[in-house]
Amino acid sequence: MLASSNSLLDPTFFNRNEGKSNVLSCFEGVLEYRTIGCLLDNVLKDLENNGLAKPIQKKAFRIMMESLENIQKHSGNSSNEHAYSRFCLIRNQSELIFLSSNSILNCNKEKIKENIEEINQSDIEKLKLMQETRLINGELSVKGGSGIGLINIAIRSKNKLEYKFEPIDNETSQFILQVKIKI
């Protein structure tokens, strides 16, 4: 779960970190495949312009790509009524912070929570084994995912995935994911 004292979701986060944090990229709306490419191109330029080392740029690019693809694949419900999503990439003095948010059906919350908790309890070697097993088994979800997006993000960030769910209505919740990498 997200820790409120360090969380971007804490309303005082930006006030406490004013002058120390820099929003590199922010997107709000319905995310489509064609938008992902534009966002990735713009962020890559921003990362280069911010003087980040190439390995950090590559890691950030891959985490952002996985995050955006997860949003695009798993947002909303069948009516697409709540397909609105958000993505922000923020830099402070010591880390890059990726914040993504998309709607999900409430019936999927428990499975997502269990998946993230398993990921968070695993070390890098176990995560790589989980990734390999899922790739070998080749099982795809109804939406075309193999369930390795969050595993890839955890491997690349080398940090726990912070998350929370905020109710939208009886059928839908907002899934909020925060990932950090050291710079």
N, C-alpha and C. Protein backbone atom coordinates (compact mmCIF):
# COMPACT_ATOMS: atom_id res chain seq x y z
N MET A 1 0.83 -1.18 0.00
CA MET A 1 0.00 0.00 0.00
C MET A 1 0.88 1.25 0.00
N LEU A 2 0.30 2.36 -0.40
CA LEU A 2 1.04 3.61 -0.43
C LEU A 2 1.20 4.17 0.97
N ALA A 3 2.38 4.59 1.27
CA ALA A 3 2.65 5.23 2.56
C ALA A 3 2.33 6.71 2.43
N SER A 4 1.43 7.22 3.23
CA SER A 4 0.96 8.59 3.06
C SER A 4 2.03 9.64 3.34
N SER A 5 3.01 9.37 4.16
CA SER A 5 4.00 10.38 4.49
C SER A 5 4.92 10.70 3.31
N ASN A 6 5.18 9.76 2.42
CA ASN A 6 6.05 9.97 1.27
C ASN A 6 5.28 9.97 -0.03
N SER A 7 4.00 9.84 0.03
CA SER A 7 3.21 9.60 -1.16
C SER A 7 2.87 10.86 -1.91
N LEU A 8 2.86 10.75 -3.23
CA LEU A 8 2.38 11.82 -4.09
C LEU A 8 0.89 12.03 -3.87
N LEU A 9 0.24 11.06 -3.30
CA LEU A 9 -1.19 11.16 -3.07
C LEU A 9 -1.49 11.97 -1.82
N ASP A 10 -0.50 12.21 -1.02
CA ASP A 10 -0.65 13.07 0.15
C ASP A 10 -0.81 14.51 -0.37
N PRO A 11 -1.91 15.19 -0.05
CA PRO A 11 -2.16 16.53 -0.59
C PRO A 11 -1.05 17.53 -0.30
N THR A 12 -0.25 17.30 0.73
CA THR A 12 0.82 18.25 1.05
C THR A 12 2.14 17.90 0.36
N PHE A 13 2.17 16.83 -0.45
CA PHE A 13 3.43 16.39 -1.07
C PHE A 13 4.10 17.51 -1.86
N PHE A 14 3.36 18.13 -2.77
CA PHE A 14 3.98 19.14 -3.62
C PHE A 14 4.37 20.38 -2.83
N ASN A 15 3.59 20.73 -1.82
CA ASN A 15 3.95 21.88 -0.99
C ASN A 15 5.22 21.62 -0.20
N ARG A 16 5.36 20.42 0.36
CA ARG A 16 6.54 20.07 1.15
C ARG A 16 7.78 19.97 0.27
N ASN A 17 7.59 19.60 -1.00
CA ASN A 17 8.72 19.36 -1.89
C ASN A 17 8.88 20.44 -2.96
N GLU A 18 8.18 21.57 -2.77
CA GLU A 18 8.26 22.64 -3.77
C GLU A 18 9.72 23.07 -3.93
N GLY A 19 10.14 23.17 -5.17
CA GLY A 19 11.52 23.54 -5.44
C GLY A 19 12.46 22.35 -5.42
N LYS A 20 12.04 21.24 -4.87
CA LYS A 20 12.87 20.05 -4.81
C LYS A 20 12.43 19.01 -5.83
N SER A 21 11.20 19.12 -6.33
CA SER A 21 10.66 18.16 -7.29
C SER A 21 10.37 18.86 -8.60
N ASN A 22 10.51 18.10 -9.68
CA ASN A 22 10.29 18.62 -11.01
C ASN A 22 9.43 17.61 -11.77
N VAL A 23 8.26 18.03 -12.23
CA VAL A 23 7.40 17.16 -13.02
C VAL A 23 7.99 17.11 -14.43
N LEU A 24 8.47 15.95 -14.84
CA LEU A 24 9.05 15.79 -16.16
C LEU A 24 7.98 15.50 -17.21
N SER A 25 6.95 14.79 -16.80
CA SER A 25 5.90 14.43 -17.74
C SER A 25 4.62 14.17 -16.98
N CYS A 26 3.51 14.56 -17.56
CA CYS A 26 2.23 14.28 -16.95
C CYS A 26 1.19 14.11 -18.06
N PHE A 27 0.38 13.10 -17.95
CA PHE A 27 -0.68 12.84 -18.92
C PHE A 27 -1.95 12.52 -18.15
N GLU A 28 -3.06 13.08 -18.61
CA GLU A 28 -4.37 12.76 -18.05
C GLU A 28 -5.33 12.59 -19.21
N GLY A 29 -6.11 11.53 -19.19
CA GLY A 29 -7.11 11.30 -20.23
C GLY A 29 -7.26 9.84 -20.55
N VAL A 30 -7.86 9.59 -21.69
CA VAL A 30 -8.03 8.22 -22.17
C VAL A 30 -6.77 7.88 -22.95
N LEU A 31 -6.06 6.87 -22.52
CA LEU A 31 -4.78 6.51 -23.12
C LEU A 31 -4.98 5.52 -24.26
N GLU A 32 -4.50 5.88 -25.44
CA GLU A 32 -4.57 5.02 -26.61
C GLU A 32 -3.16 4.67 -27.04
N TYR A 33 -3.01 3.61 -27.86
CA TYR A 33 -1.68 3.18 -28.29
C TYR A 33 -0.89 4.29 -28.96
N ARG A 34 -1.52 5.07 -29.81
CA ARG A 34 -0.78 6.11 -30.53
C ARG A 34 -0.25 7.19 -29.58
N THR A 35 -0.91 7.38 -28.45
CA THR A 35 -0.47 8.37 -27.47
C THR A 35 0.78 7.89 -26.74
N ILE A 36 0.89 6.58 -26.52
CA ILE A 36 2.02 6.03 -25.78
C ILE A 36 3.34 6.37 -26.46
N GLY A 37 3.42 6.20 -27.77
CA GLY A 37 4.65 6.52 -28.50
C GLY A 37 5.07 7.97 -28.35
N CYS A 38 4.12 8.88 -28.45
CA CYS A 38 4.40 10.31 -28.29
C CYS A 38 4.91 10.61 -26.88
N LEU A 39 4.24 10.04 -25.88
CA LEU A 39 4.66 10.26 -24.49
C LEU A 39 6.08 9.74 -24.25
N LEU A 40 6.35 8.55 -24.76
CA LEU A 40 7.68 7.96 -24.57
C LEU A 40 8.76 8.80 -25.25
N ASP A 41 8.50 9.28 -26.47
CA ASP A 41 9.47 10.13 -27.17
C ASP A 41 9.75 11.41 -26.38
N ASN A 42 8.69 12.04 -25.89
CA ASN A 42 8.86 13.30 -25.14
C ASN A 42 9.63 13.07 -23.84
N VAL A 43 9.33 11.98 -23.14
CA VAL A 43 10.01 11.72 -21.87
C VAL A 43 11.48 11.38 -22.11
N LEU A 44 11.77 10.64 -23.16
CA LEU A 44 13.16 10.32 -23.46
C LEU A 44 13.97 11.61 -23.66
N LYS A 45 13.41 12.58 -24.37
CA LYS A 45 14.08 13.87 -24.55
C LYS A 45 14.24 14.59 -23.21
N ASP A 46 13.20 14.56 -22.39
CA ASP A 46 13.27 15.21 -21.08
C ASP A 46 14.33 14.57 -20.19
N LEU A 47 14.43 13.25 -20.23
CA LEU A 47 15.43 12.55 -19.42
C LEU A 47 16.83 12.92 -19.87
N GLU A 48 17.04 13.01 -21.20
CA GLU A 48 18.34 13.41 -21.73
C GLU A 48 18.67 14.84 -21.33
N ASN A 49 17.68 15.73 -21.43
CA ASN A 49 17.89 17.15 -21.10
C ASN A 49 18.13 17.37 -19.61
N ASN A 50 17.71 16.43 -18.77
CA ASN A 50 17.91 16.55 -17.33
C ASN A 50 19.24 15.96 -16.88
N GLY A 51 20.06 15.55 -17.82
CA GLY A 51 21.40 15.08 -17.50
C GLY A 51 21.47 13.75 -16.77
N LEU A 52 20.47 12.92 -16.94
CA LEU A 52 20.49 11.60 -16.30
C LEU A 52 21.37 10.65 -17.09
N ALA A 53 22.07 9.78 -16.38
CA ALA A 53 22.94 8.79 -17.02
C ALA A 53 22.12 7.87 -17.92
N LYS A 54 22.74 7.39 -18.99
CA LYS A 54 22.06 6.51 -19.96
C LYS A 54 21.41 5.29 -19.31
N PRO A 55 22.06 4.60 -18.35
CA PRO A 55 21.39 3.45 -17.73
C PRO A 55 20.10 3.85 -16.99
N ILE A 56 20.09 5.01 -16.36
CA ILE A 56 18.90 5.49 -15.67
C ILE A 56 17.82 5.85 -16.70
N GLN A 57 18.22 6.48 -17.80
CA GLN A 57 17.27 6.81 -18.86
C GLN A 57 16.60 5.55 -19.40
N LYS A 58 17.41 4.53 -19.65
CA LYS A 58 16.89 3.27 -20.19
C LYS A 58 15.92 2.61 -19.21
N LYS A 59 16.30 2.57 -17.94
CA LYS A 59 15.45 1.98 -16.91
C LYS A 59 14.13 2.75 -16.80
N ALA A 60 14.23 4.08 -16.77
CA ALA A 60 13.03 4.92 -16.66
C ALA A 60 12.12 4.73 -17.88
N PHE A 61 12.71 4.67 -19.05
CA PHE A 61 11.95 4.48 -20.28
C PHE A 61 11.17 3.16 -20.23
N ARG A 62 11.83 2.09 -19.80
CA ARG A 62 11.18 0.77 -19.75
C ARG A 62 10.07 0.72 -18.70
N ILE A 63 10.30 1.35 -17.55
CA ILE A 63 9.26 1.38 -16.51
C ILE A 63 8.06 2.18 -17.01
N MET A 64 8.33 3.31 -17.64
CA MET A 64 7.23 4.12 -18.16
C MET A 64 6.46 3.37 -19.24
N MET A 65 7.18 2.69 -20.13
CA MET A 65 6.53 1.92 -21.19
C MET A 65 5.62 0.84 -20.61
N GLU A 66 6.11 0.09 -19.62
CA GLU A 66 5.30 -0.95 -18.98
C GLU A 66 4.09 -0.33 -18.29
N SER A 67 4.30 0.79 -17.60
CA SER A 67 3.20 1.45 -16.89
C SER A 67 2.12 1.92 -17.85
N LEU A 68 2.52 2.56 -18.94
CA LEU A 68 1.56 3.05 -19.91
C LEU A 68 0.82 1.91 -20.61
N GLU A 69 1.54 0.84 -20.94
CA GLU A 69 0.88 -0.31 -21.56
C GLU A 69 -0.11 -0.96 -20.60
N ASN A 70 0.25 -1.04 -19.32
CA ASN A 70 -0.69 -1.58 -18.32
C ASN A 70 -1.95 -0.73 -18.24
N ILE A 71 -1.77 0.60 -18.23
CA ILE A 71 -2.93 1.49 -18.18
C ILE A 71 -3.79 1.25 -19.41
N GLN A 72 -3.17 1.23 -20.58
CA GLN A 72 -3.92 1.09 -21.83
C GLN A 72 -4.67 -0.23 -21.89
N LYS A 73 -4.03 -1.31 -21.48
CA LYS A 73 -4.66 -2.64 -21.55
C LYS A 73 -5.74 -2.84 -20.51
N HIS A 74 -5.55 -2.28 -19.32
CA HIS A 74 -6.40 -2.67 -18.20
C HIS A 74 -7.32 -1.57 -17.67
N SER A 75 -7.37 -0.42 -18.32
CA SER A 75 -8.23 0.66 -17.85
C SER A 75 -9.69 0.39 -18.12
N GLY A 76 -10.49 0.89 -17.20
CA GLY A 76 -11.92 0.95 -17.42
C GLY A 76 -12.64 -0.36 -17.34
N ASN A 77 -13.84 -0.31 -17.80
CA ASN A 77 -14.68 -1.50 -17.86
C ASN A 77 -15.24 -1.62 -19.27
N SER A 78 -16.13 -2.53 -19.47
CA SER A 78 -16.62 -2.80 -20.81
C SER A 78 -17.32 -1.59 -21.43
N SER A 79 -17.91 -0.74 -20.63
CA SER A 79 -18.59 0.44 -21.19
C SER A 79 -17.61 1.59 -21.40
N ASN A 80 -16.37 1.45 -20.89
CA ASN A 80 -15.33 2.47 -21.00
C ASN A 80 -15.72 3.79 -20.34
N GLU A 81 -16.73 3.72 -19.48
CA GLU A 81 -17.24 4.91 -18.80
C GLU A 81 -16.18 5.55 -17.91
N HIS A 82 -15.32 4.74 -17.30
CA HIS A 82 -14.31 5.24 -16.36
C HIS A 82 -12.90 4.97 -16.87
N ALA A 83 -12.66 5.07 -18.16
CA ALA A 83 -11.36 4.75 -18.73
C ALA A 83 -10.34 5.87 -18.56
N TYR A 84 -10.70 6.91 -17.86
CA TYR A 84 -9.81 8.04 -17.61
C TYR A 84 -8.60 7.58 -16.80
N SER A 85 -7.41 8.00 -17.21
CA SER A 85 -6.20 7.57 -16.52
C SER A 85 -5.24 8.74 -16.35
N ARG A 86 -4.22 8.53 -15.51
CA ARG A 86 -3.19 9.53 -15.27
C ARG A 86 -1.83 8.84 -15.23
N PHE A 87 -0.83 9.60 -15.66
CA PHE A 87 0.55 9.16 -15.51
C PHE A 87 1.40 10.39 -15.27
N CYS A 88 2.26 10.34 -14.26
CA CYS A 88 3.21 11.43 -14.00
C CYS A 88 4.59 10.84 -13.73
N LEU A 89 5.59 11.53 -14.25
CA LEU A 89 6.98 11.20 -13.95
C LEU A 89 7.58 12.43 -13.30
N ILE A 90 8.08 12.24 -12.10
CA ILE A 90 8.58 13.34 -11.27
C ILE A 90 10.01 13.04 -10.85
N ARG A 91 10.83 14.05 -10.88
CA ARG A 91 12.22 13.90 -10.44
C ARG A 91 12.43 14.77 -9.21
N ASN A 92 13.05 14.16 -8.21
CA ASN A 92 13.53 14.97 -7.09
C ASN A 92 15.04 14.78 -7.02
N GLN A 93 15.66 15.19 -5.95
CA GLN A 93 17.11 15.17 -5.88
C GLN A 93 17.71 13.77 -5.95
N SER A 94 16.97 12.76 -5.49
CA SER A 94 17.57 11.43 -5.40
C SER A 94 16.85 10.33 -6.17
N GLU A 95 15.68 10.64 -6.75
CA GLU A 95 14.93 9.58 -7.40
C GLU A 95 13.98 10.09 -8.48
N LEU A 96 13.58 9.16 -9.33
CA LEU A 96 12.49 9.37 -10.26
C LEU A 96 11.27 8.67 -9.67
N ILE A 97 10.13 9.31 -9.74
CA ILE A 97 8.90 8.76 -9.18
C ILE A 97 7.89 8.64 -10.32
N PHE A 98 7.39 7.43 -10.53
CA PHE A 98 6.40 7.15 -11.55
C PHE A 98 5.06 6.95 -10.84
N LEU A 99 4.08 7.73 -11.22
CA LEU A 99 2.76 7.60 -10.62
C LEU A 99 1.76 7.33 -11.74
N SER A 100 1.09 6.19 -11.66
CA SER A 100 0.07 5.87 -12.66
C SER A 100 -1.24 5.56 -11.96
N SER A 101 -2.31 5.85 -12.68
CA SER A 101 -3.64 5.66 -12.11
C SER A 101 -4.60 5.30 -13.23
N ASN A 102 -5.37 4.26 -13.03
CA ASN A 102 -6.39 3.88 -14.00
C ASN A 102 -7.52 3.17 -13.29
N SER A 103 -8.67 3.16 -13.93
CA SER A 103 -9.83 2.51 -13.34
C SER A 103 -9.77 1.01 -13.60
N ILE A 104 -10.30 0.27 -12.66
CA ILE A 104 -10.39 -1.18 -12.78
C ILE A 104 -11.76 -1.62 -12.26
N LEU A 105 -12.17 -2.78 -12.66
CA LEU A 105 -13.40 -3.35 -12.11
C LEU A 105 -13.10 -3.86 -10.71
N ASN A 106 -14.02 -3.64 -9.78
CA ASN A 106 -13.82 -4.07 -8.40
C ASN A 106 -13.60 -5.58 -8.28
N CYS A 107 -14.18 -6.34 -9.19
CA CYS A 107 -14.00 -7.79 -9.13
C CYS A 107 -12.54 -8.20 -9.39
N ASN A 108 -11.72 -7.29 -9.92
CA ASN A 108 -10.31 -7.58 -10.19
C ASN A 108 -9.36 -7.10 -9.09
N LYS A 109 -9.88 -6.34 -8.12
CA LYS A 109 -9.03 -5.75 -7.08
C LYS A 109 -8.23 -6.79 -6.30
N GLU A 110 -8.89 -7.84 -5.85
CA GLU A 110 -8.21 -8.83 -5.00
C GLU A 110 -7.08 -9.53 -5.75
N LYS A 111 -7.31 -9.85 -7.01
CA LYS A 111 -6.27 -10.51 -7.81
C LYS A 111 -5.06 -9.58 -7.99
N ILE A 112 -5.32 -8.30 -8.26
CA ILE A 112 -4.23 -7.33 -8.42
C ILE A 112 -3.46 -7.20 -7.11
N LYS A 113 -4.19 -7.08 -6.01
CA LYS A 113 -3.56 -6.95 -4.70
C LYS A 113 -2.68 -8.17 -4.40
N GLU A 114 -3.20 -9.36 -4.62
CA GLU A 114 -2.43 -10.59 -4.36
C GLU A 114 -1.19 -10.63 -5.23
N ASN A 115 -1.32 -10.25 -6.50
CA ASN A 115 -0.19 -10.25 -7.42
C ASN A 115 0.90 -9.29 -6.95
N ILE A 116 0.51 -8.08 -6.57
CA ILE A 116 1.49 -7.09 -6.12
C ILE A 116 2.13 -7.52 -4.80
N GLU A 117 1.34 -8.07 -3.90
CA GLU A 117 1.91 -8.53 -2.62
C GLU A 117 2.93 -9.65 -2.85
N GLU A 118 2.63 -10.57 -3.77
CA GLU A 118 3.60 -11.62 -4.09
C GLU A 118 4.87 -11.02 -4.68
N ILE A 119 4.72 -10.05 -5.57
CA ILE A 119 5.88 -9.37 -6.17
C ILE A 119 6.69 -8.67 -5.08
N ASN A 120 6.02 -7.94 -4.20
CA ASN A 120 6.72 -7.19 -3.15
C ASN A 120 7.43 -8.08 -2.14
N GLN A 121 6.99 -9.31 -1.99
CA GLN A 121 7.63 -10.23 -1.05
C GLN A 121 8.76 -11.03 -1.70
N SER A 122 9.00 -10.80 -2.98
CA SER A 122 10.00 -11.58 -3.71
C SER A 122 11.27 -10.77 -3.92
N ASP A 123 12.41 -11.48 -3.87
CA ASP A 123 13.67 -10.83 -4.22
C ASP A 123 13.84 -10.86 -5.74
N ILE A 124 14.88 -10.24 -6.24
CA ILE A 124 15.10 -10.12 -7.69
C ILE A 124 15.17 -11.49 -8.35
N GLU A 125 15.86 -12.43 -7.73
CA GLU A 125 15.98 -13.77 -8.33
C GLU A 125 14.62 -14.45 -8.46
N LYS A 126 13.80 -14.35 -7.43
CA LYS A 126 12.47 -14.95 -7.49
C LYS A 126 11.61 -14.23 -8.53
N LEU A 127 11.75 -12.91 -8.63
CA LEU A 127 11.00 -12.16 -9.65
C LEU A 127 11.38 -12.61 -11.06
N LYS A 128 12.67 -12.82 -11.28
CA LYS A 128 13.12 -13.28 -12.60
C LYS A 128 12.58 -14.68 -12.90
N LEU A 129 12.51 -15.53 -11.88
CA LEU A 129 11.94 -16.86 -12.06
C LEU A 129 10.43 -16.78 -12.37
N MET A 130 9.72 -15.90 -11.67
CA MET A 130 8.29 -15.69 -11.93
C MET A 130 8.09 -15.21 -13.37
N GLN A 131 8.93 -14.28 -13.78
CA GLN A 131 8.86 -13.74 -15.14
C GLN A 131 9.08 -14.85 -16.18
N GLU A 132 10.11 -15.64 -15.98
CA GLU A 132 10.43 -16.72 -16.90
C GLU A 132 9.31 -17.76 -16.96
N THR A 133 8.77 -18.11 -15.81
CA THR A 133 7.69 -19.10 -15.75
C THR A 133 6.47 -18.61 -16.52
N ARG A 134 6.11 -17.35 -16.32
CA ARG A 134 4.93 -16.81 -17.03
C ARG A 134 5.17 -16.72 -18.53
N LEU A 135 6.39 -16.40 -18.92
CA LEU A 135 6.70 -16.34 -20.35
C LEU A 135 6.68 -17.73 -20.99
N ILE A 136 7.22 -18.72 -20.28
CA ILE A 136 7.25 -20.08 -20.80
C ILE A 136 5.85 -20.66 -20.90
N ASN A 137 5.03 -20.41 -19.86
CA ASN A 137 3.66 -20.93 -19.88
C ASN A 137 2.81 -20.27 -20.95
N GLY A 138 3.17 -19.04 -21.32
CA GLY A 138 2.50 -18.36 -22.40
C GLY A 138 1.02 -18.10 -22.22
N GLU A 139 0.56 -18.05 -20.99
CA GLU A 139 -0.85 -17.79 -20.75
C GLU A 139 -1.14 -16.31 -20.91
N LEU A 140 -2.16 -15.98 -21.70
CA LEU A 140 -2.55 -14.60 -21.91
C LEU A 140 -3.91 -14.35 -21.26
N SER A 141 -4.05 -13.16 -20.70
CA SER A 141 -5.34 -12.77 -20.14
C SER A 141 -6.29 -12.41 -21.27
N VAL A 142 -7.53 -12.17 -20.92
CA VAL A 142 -8.54 -11.76 -21.91
C VAL A 142 -8.10 -10.48 -22.62
N LYS A 143 -7.37 -9.61 -21.91
CA LYS A 143 -6.93 -8.34 -22.48
C LYS A 143 -5.57 -8.44 -23.15
N GLY A 144 -5.01 -9.63 -23.26
CA GLY A 144 -3.78 -9.82 -24.00
C GLY A 144 -2.50 -9.72 -23.19
N GLY A 145 -2.58 -9.63 -21.89
CA GLY A 145 -1.38 -9.54 -21.06
C GLY A 145 -0.98 -10.89 -20.51
N SER A 146 0.31 -11.03 -20.24
CA SER A 146 0.81 -12.28 -19.67
C SER A 146 1.07 -12.15 -18.18
N GLY A 147 0.79 -10.98 -17.60
CA GLY A 147 0.97 -10.79 -16.17
C GLY A 147 2.39 -10.48 -15.76
N ILE A 148 3.24 -10.10 -16.72
CA ILE A 148 4.63 -9.82 -16.35
C ILE A 148 4.95 -8.33 -16.28
N GLY A 149 4.00 -7.47 -16.62
CA GLY A 149 4.27 -6.03 -16.60
C GLY A 149 4.71 -5.53 -15.24
N LEU A 150 3.96 -5.89 -14.20
CA LEU A 150 4.32 -5.45 -12.85
C LEU A 150 5.61 -6.11 -12.37
N ILE A 151 5.83 -7.34 -12.79
CA ILE A 151 7.09 -8.02 -12.44
C ILE A 151 8.26 -7.28 -13.08
N ASN A 152 8.13 -6.92 -14.36
CA ASN A 152 9.18 -6.18 -15.05
C ASN A 152 9.47 -4.85 -14.36
N ILE A 153 8.42 -4.16 -13.95
CA ILE A 153 8.58 -2.88 -13.26
C ILE A 153 9.34 -3.08 -11.95
N ALA A 154 8.98 -4.10 -11.20
CA ALA A 154 9.65 -4.37 -9.92
C ALA A 154 11.12 -4.73 -10.13
N ILE A 155 11.41 -5.52 -11.15
CA ILE A 155 12.80 -5.90 -11.44
C ILE A 155 13.62 -4.66 -11.79
N ARG A 156 13.08 -3.83 -12.66
CA ARG A 156 13.83 -2.65 -13.11
C ARG A 156 13.99 -1.60 -12.01
N SER A 157 12.96 -1.42 -11.20
CA SER A 157 13.04 -0.38 -10.16
C SER A 157 13.86 -0.83 -8.96
N LYS A 158 13.90 -2.14 -8.73
CA LYS A 158 14.56 -2.71 -7.55
C LYS A 158 13.95 -2.17 -6.26
N ASN A 159 12.66 -1.84 -6.33
CA ASN A 159 11.92 -1.32 -5.18
C ASN A 159 10.56 -1.99 -5.10
N LYS A 160 9.95 -1.87 -3.95
CA LYS A 160 8.59 -2.36 -3.76
C LYS A 160 7.62 -1.50 -4.56
N LEU A 161 6.55 -2.10 -5.01
CA LEU A 161 5.50 -1.37 -5.70
C LEU A 161 4.53 -0.85 -4.65
N GLU A 162 4.28 0.44 -4.65
CA GLU A 162 3.33 1.04 -3.72
C GLU A 162 2.03 1.24 -4.47
N TYR A 163 0.91 0.95 -3.82
CA TYR A 163 -0.36 1.02 -4.52
C TYR A 163 -1.51 1.29 -3.56
N LYS A 164 -2.62 1.69 -4.14
CA LYS A 164 -3.85 1.79 -3.38
C LYS A 164 -5.03 1.80 -4.35
N PHE A 165 -6.20 1.55 -3.81
CA PHE A 165 -7.44 1.56 -4.58
C PHE A 165 -8.35 2.62 -3.98
N GLU A 166 -8.94 3.45 -4.83
CA GLU A 166 -9.93 4.43 -4.38
C GLU A 166 -11.24 4.13 -5.08
N PRO A 167 -12.32 3.94 -4.33
CA PRO A 167 -13.61 3.60 -4.95
C PRO A 167 -14.11 4.71 -5.87
N ILE A 168 -14.66 4.31 -7.00
CA ILE A 168 -15.32 5.24 -7.91
C ILE A 168 -16.83 5.08 -7.77
N ASP A 169 -17.28 3.82 -7.90
CA ASP A 169 -18.69 3.49 -7.72
C ASP A 169 -18.77 2.03 -7.27
N ASN A 170 -19.94 1.43 -7.31
CA ASN A 170 -20.10 0.06 -6.83
C ASN A 170 -19.35 -0.97 -7.66
N GLU A 171 -19.06 -0.65 -8.91
CA GLU A 171 -18.42 -1.62 -9.81
C GLU A 171 -16.97 -1.31 -10.13
N THR A 172 -16.53 -0.06 -9.87
CA THR A 172 -15.24 0.39 -10.36
C THR A 172 -14.45 1.10 -9.28
N SER A 173 -13.12 0.94 -9.33
CA SER A 173 -12.21 1.66 -8.44
C SER A 173 -11.06 2.23 -9.25
N GLN A 174 -10.40 3.23 -8.68
CA GLN A 174 -9.20 3.77 -9.27
C GLN A 174 -8.02 3.02 -8.66
N PHE A 175 -7.17 2.44 -9.51
CA PHE A 175 -5.96 1.74 -9.08
C PHE A 175 -4.80 2.72 -9.25
N ILE A 176 -4.10 2.98 -8.17
CA ILE A 176 -3.00 3.95 -8.18
C ILE A 176 -1.72 3.21 -7.83
N LEU A 177 -0.72 3.36 -8.69
CA LEU A 177 0.55 2.67 -8.52
C LEU A 177 1.66 3.72 -8.51
N GLN A 178 2.56 3.59 -7.53
CA GLN A 178 3.71 4.47 -7.43
C GLN A 178 4.99 3.62 -7.42
N VAL A 179 5.93 4.00 -8.27
CA VAL A 179 7.20 3.27 -8.40
C VAL A 179 8.32 4.30 -8.33
N LYS A 180 9.40 3.96 -7.64
CA LYS A 180 10.54 4.87 -7.51
C LYS A 180 11.82 4.17 -7.95
N ILE A 181 12.71 4.96 -8.57
CA ILE A 181 14.05 4.47 -8.85
C ILE A 181 15.06 5.52 -8.40
N LYS A 182 16.17 5.05 -7.88
CA LYS A 182 17.25 5.95 -7.46
C LYS A 182 17.96 6.50 -8.69
N ILE A 183 18.39 7.76 -8.58
CA ILE A 183 19.15 8.35 -9.70
C ILE A 183 20.54 8.76 -9.27
